[in-house]
Amino acid sequence: MKTQDSRINVVKYFTGLKQQLKSTKIEEVRISGSILVFEPPEIPLSPEGPQKRKKKIMFRLIGITISVIIGFLKEFIDNRTKKDQKKLNELKSIILLKLSWLTPLKNIWNKVN
């Protein structure tokens, strides 16, 4: 534990020195006049990183919406094909009824040939 704490302290110390060196270099460049700073940088009051929770909720709602739309489309297509199949069966039965008078002629034709 003590060695780990001492490592952490050493890392923090060198990180602080590194930040001071960067700040010093930036200050030197700014004083030399090669860079003009109009507004000094400001630390944001709140983190502006990705808002994971809002994104998760949004994508879940989008997914549910897309799923519902796909379900309705599938049901619509299934009903349409069922209606088309029903109409086709009705047409077949009507045609067969209309052509039923040909059956005796067909039998006669088969006997002749």
C-alpha atoms as a PDB file:
ATOM      1  CA  MET A   1       0.000   0.000   0.000  1.00  0.00           C
ATOM      2  CA  LYS A   2       2.742   2.433   0.931  1.00  0.00           C
ATOM      3  CA  THR A   3       4.648   1.834  -2.291  1.00  0.00           C
ATOM      4  CA  GLN A   4       1.469   2.353  -4.304  1.00  0.00           C
ATOM      5  CA  ASP A   5       0.699   5.596  -2.439  1.00  0.00           C
ATOM      6  CA  SER A   6       4.236   6.814  -2.967  1.00  0.00           C
ATOM      7  CA  ARG A   7       3.996   5.999  -6.694  1.00  0.00           C
ATOM      8  CA  ILE A   8       0.743   7.937  -6.928  1.00  0.00           C
ATOM      9  CA  ASN A   9       2.356  10.909  -5.153  1.00  0.00           C
ATOM     10  CA  VAL A  10       5.372  10.807  -7.486  1.00  0.00           C
ATOM     11  CA  VAL A  11       3.077  10.679 -10.542  1.00  0.00           C
ATOM     12  CA  LYS A  12       1.063  13.644  -9.202  1.00  0.00           C
ATOM     13  CA  TYR A  13       4.272  15.584  -8.506  1.00  0.00           C
ATOM     14  CA  PHE A  14       5.658  15.058 -12.015  1.00  0.00           C
ATOM     15  CA  THR A  15       2.270  15.783 -13.576  1.00  0.00           C
ATOM     16  CA  GLY A  16       2.218  19.108 -11.703  1.00  0.00           C
ATOM     17  CA  LEU A  17       5.756  19.892 -12.888  1.00  0.00           C
ATOM     18  CA  LYS A  18       4.778  19.038 -16.466  1.00  0.00           C
ATOM     19  CA  GLN A  19       1.784  21.382 -16.299  1.00  0.00           C
ATOM     20  CA  GLN A  20       3.963  24.161 -14.866  1.00  0.00           C
ATOM     21  CA  LEU A  21       6.471  23.664 -17.689  1.00  0.00           C
ATOM     22  CA  LYS A  22       3.698  23.897 -20.309  1.00  0.00           C
ATOM     23  CA  SER A  23       2.299  27.018 -18.661  1.00  0.00           C
ATOM     24  CA  THR A  24       5.758  28.593 -18.559  1.00  0.00           C
ATOM     25  CA  LYS A  25       6.381  27.816 -22.237  1.00  0.00           C
ATOM     26  CA  ILE A  26       3.003  29.276 -23.202  1.00  0.00           C
ATOM     27  CA  GLU A  27       3.702  32.398 -21.127  1.00  0.00           C
ATOM     28  CA  GLU A  28       7.103  32.826 -22.821  1.00  0.00           C
ATOM     29  CA  VAL A  29       5.539  32.566 -26.270  1.00  0.00           C
ATOM     30  CA  ARG A  30       2.803  34.998 -25.282  1.00  0.00           C
ATOM     31  CA  ILE A  31       5.295  37.524 -23.913  1.00  0.00           C
ATOM     32  CA  SER A  32       7.480  37.244 -27.006  1.00  0.00           C
ATOM     33  CA  GLY A  33       4.518  38.442 -29.066  1.00  0.00           C
ATOM     34  CA  SER A  34       4.404  35.660 -31.640  1.00  0.00           C
ATOM     35  CA  ILE A  35       0.917  34.649 -30.433  1.00  0.00           C
ATOM     36  CA  LEU A  36      -1.918  37.049 -29.715  1.00  0.00           C
ATOM     37  CA  VAL A  37      -4.392  35.900 -27.079  1.00  0.00           C
ATOM     38  CA  PHE A  38      -7.660  37.793 -27.363  1.00  0.00           C
ATOM     39  CA  GLU A  39      -9.442  36.025 -24.534  1.00  0.00           C
ATOM     40  CA  PRO A  40      -7.793  33.874 -21.904  1.00  0.00           C
ATOM     41  CA  PRO A  41      -9.167  30.336 -21.679  1.00  0.00           C
ATOM     42  CA  GLU A  42     -11.933  29.704 -19.179  1.00  0.00           C
ATOM     43  CA  ILE A  43     -12.663  26.501 -17.316  1.00  0.00           C
ATOM     44  CA  PRO A  44     -16.202  25.274 -18.089  1.00  0.00           C
ATOM     45  CA  LEU A  45     -18.612  25.232 -15.159  1.00  0.00           C
ATOM     46  CA  SER A  46     -20.060  21.849 -16.104  1.00  0.00           C
ATOM     47  CA  PRO A  47     -18.644  18.985 -18.150  1.00  0.00           C
ATOM     48  CA  GLU A  48     -19.533  19.193 -21.814  1.00  0.00           C
ATOM     49  CA  GLY A  49     -18.751  15.598 -22.660  1.00  0.00           C
ATOM     50  CA  PRO A  50     -21.170  13.151 -24.240  1.00  0.00           C
ATOM     51  CA  GLN A  51     -24.445  12.884 -22.409  1.00  0.00           C
ATOM     52  CA  LYS A  52     -24.681   9.116 -22.344  1.00  0.00           C
ATOM     53  CA  ARG A  53     -27.946   8.844 -20.478  1.00  0.00           C
ATOM     54  CA  LYS A  54     -29.829  11.137 -22.862  1.00  0.00           C
ATOM     55  CA  LYS A  55     -28.351   9.357 -25.874  1.00  0.00           C
ATOM     56  CA  LYS A  56     -29.355   5.945 -24.526  1.00  0.00           C
ATOM     57  CA  ILE A  57     -32.927   7.089 -23.920  1.00  0.00           C
ATOM     58  CA  MET A  58     -33.112   8.744 -27.331  1.00  0.00           C
ATOM     59  CA  PHE A  59     -31.800   5.700 -29.214  1.00  0.00           C
ATOM     60  CA  ARG A  60     -34.105   3.366 -27.278  1.00  0.00           C
ATOM     61  CA  LEU A  61     -37.100   5.516 -28.235  1.00  0.00           C
ATOM     62  CA  ILE A  62     -35.945   5.564 -31.853  1.00  0.00           C
ATOM     63  CA  GLY A  63     -35.533   1.766 -31.769  1.00  0.00           C
ATOM     64  CA  ILE A  64     -38.994   1.236 -30.310  1.00  0.00           C
ATOM     65  CA  THR A  65     -40.504   3.585 -32.894  1.00  0.00           C
ATOM     66  CA  ILE A  66     -38.782   1.784 -35.764  1.00  0.00           C
ATOM     67  CA  SER A  67     -39.898  -1.586 -34.358  1.00  0.00           C
ATOM     68  CA  VAL A  68     -43.515  -0.459 -34.184  1.00  0.00           C
ATOM     69  CA  ILE A  69     -43.378   0.898 -37.744  1.00  0.00           C
ATOM     70  CA  ILE A  70     -41.886  -2.376 -39.015  1.00  0.00           C
ATOM     71  CA  GLY A  71     -44.604  -4.327 -37.169  1.00  0.00           C
ATOM     72  CA  PHE A  72     -47.366  -2.261 -38.757  1.00  0.00           C
ATOM     73  CA  LEU A  73     -45.815  -2.604 -42.219  1.00  0.00           C
ATOM     74  CA  LYS A  74     -45.498  -6.365 -41.810  1.00  0.00           C
ATOM     75  CA  GLU A  75     -49.110  -6.670 -40.677  1.00  0.00           C
ATOM     76  CA  PHE A  76     -50.281  -4.465 -43.575  1.00  0.00           C
ATOM     77  CA  ILE A  77     -48.381  -6.564 -46.116  1.00  0.00           C
ATOM     78  CA  ASP A  78     -49.674  -9.825 -44.596  1.00  0.00           C
ATOM     79  CA  ASN A  79     -53.278  -8.576 -44.692  1.00  0.00           C
ATOM     80  CA  ARG A  80     -52.850  -7.336 -48.237  1.00  0.00           C
ATOM     81  CA  THR A  81     -51.457 -10.670 -49.454  1.00  0.00           C
ATOM     82  CA  LYS A  82     -54.277 -12.521 -47.653  1.00  0.00           C
ATOM     83  CA  LYS A  83     -56.852 -10.279 -49.339  1.00  0.00           C
ATOM     84  CA  ASP A  84     -55.154 -10.792 -52.714  1.00  0.00           C
ATOM     85  CA  GLN A  85     -55.082 -14.561 -52.175  1.00  0.00           C
ATOM     86  CA  LYS A  86     -58.765 -14.522 -51.213  1.00  0.00           C
ATOM     87  CA  LYS A  87     -59.644 -12.551 -54.363  1.00  0.00           C
ATOM     88  CA  LEU A  88     -57.584 -14.951 -56.470  1.00  0.00           C
ATOM     89  CA  ASN A  89     -59.409 -17.952 -55.001  1.00  0.00           C
ATOM     90  CA  GLU A  90     -62.762 -16.272 -55.661  1.00  0.00           C
ATOM     91  CA  LEU A  91     -61.751 -15.614 -59.282  1.00  0.00           C
ATOM     92  CA  LYS A  92     -60.657 -19.234 -59.706  1.00  0.00           C
ATOM     93  CA  SER A  93     -63.961 -20.519 -58.369  1.00  0.00           C
ATOM     94  CA  ILE A  94     -65.903 -18.135 -60.643  1.00  0.00           C
ATOM     95  CA  ILE A  95     -63.869 -19.225 -63.666  1.00  0.00           C
ATOM     96  CA  LEU A  96     -64.341 -22.889 -62.807  1.00  0.00           C
ATOM     97  CA  LEU A  97     -68.091 -22.343 -62.450  1.00  0.00           C
ATOM     98  CA  LYS A  98     -68.251 -20.534 -65.767  1.00  0.00           C
ATOM     99  CA  LEU A  99     -66.242 -23.245 -67.494  1.00  0.00           C
ATOM    100  CA  SER A 100     -68.047 -26.178 -65.891  1.00  0.00           C
ATOM    101  CA  TRP A 101     -70.142 -26.646 -69.033  1.00  0.00           C
ATOM    102  CA  LEU A 102     -66.925 -27.571 -70.875  1.00  0.00           C
ATOM    103  CA  THR A 103     -66.394 -30.719 -68.831  1.00  0.00           C
ATOM    104  CA  PRO A 104     -68.806 -32.880 -70.866  1.00  0.00           C
ATOM    105  CA  LEU A 105     -67.223 -31.623 -74.090  1.00  0.00           C
ATOM    106  CA  LYS A 106     -63.800 -32.510 -72.747  1.00  0.00           C
ATOM    107  CA  ASN A 107     -64.942 -36.031 -71.981  1.00  0.00           C
ATOM    108  CA  ILE A 108     -66.339 -36.400 -75.484  1.00  0.00           C
ATOM    109  CA  TRP A 109     -63.127 -35.066 -77.010  1.00  0.00           C
ATOM    110  CA  ASN A 110     -61.048 -37.528 -74.997  1.00  0.00           C
ATOM    111  CA  LYS A 111     -63.239 -40.417 -76.208  1.00  0.00           C
ATOM    112  CA  VAL A 112     -62.874 -39.386 -79.857  1.00  0.00           C
ATOM    113  CA  ASN A 113     -59.099 -39.099 -79.728  1.00  0.00           C
END
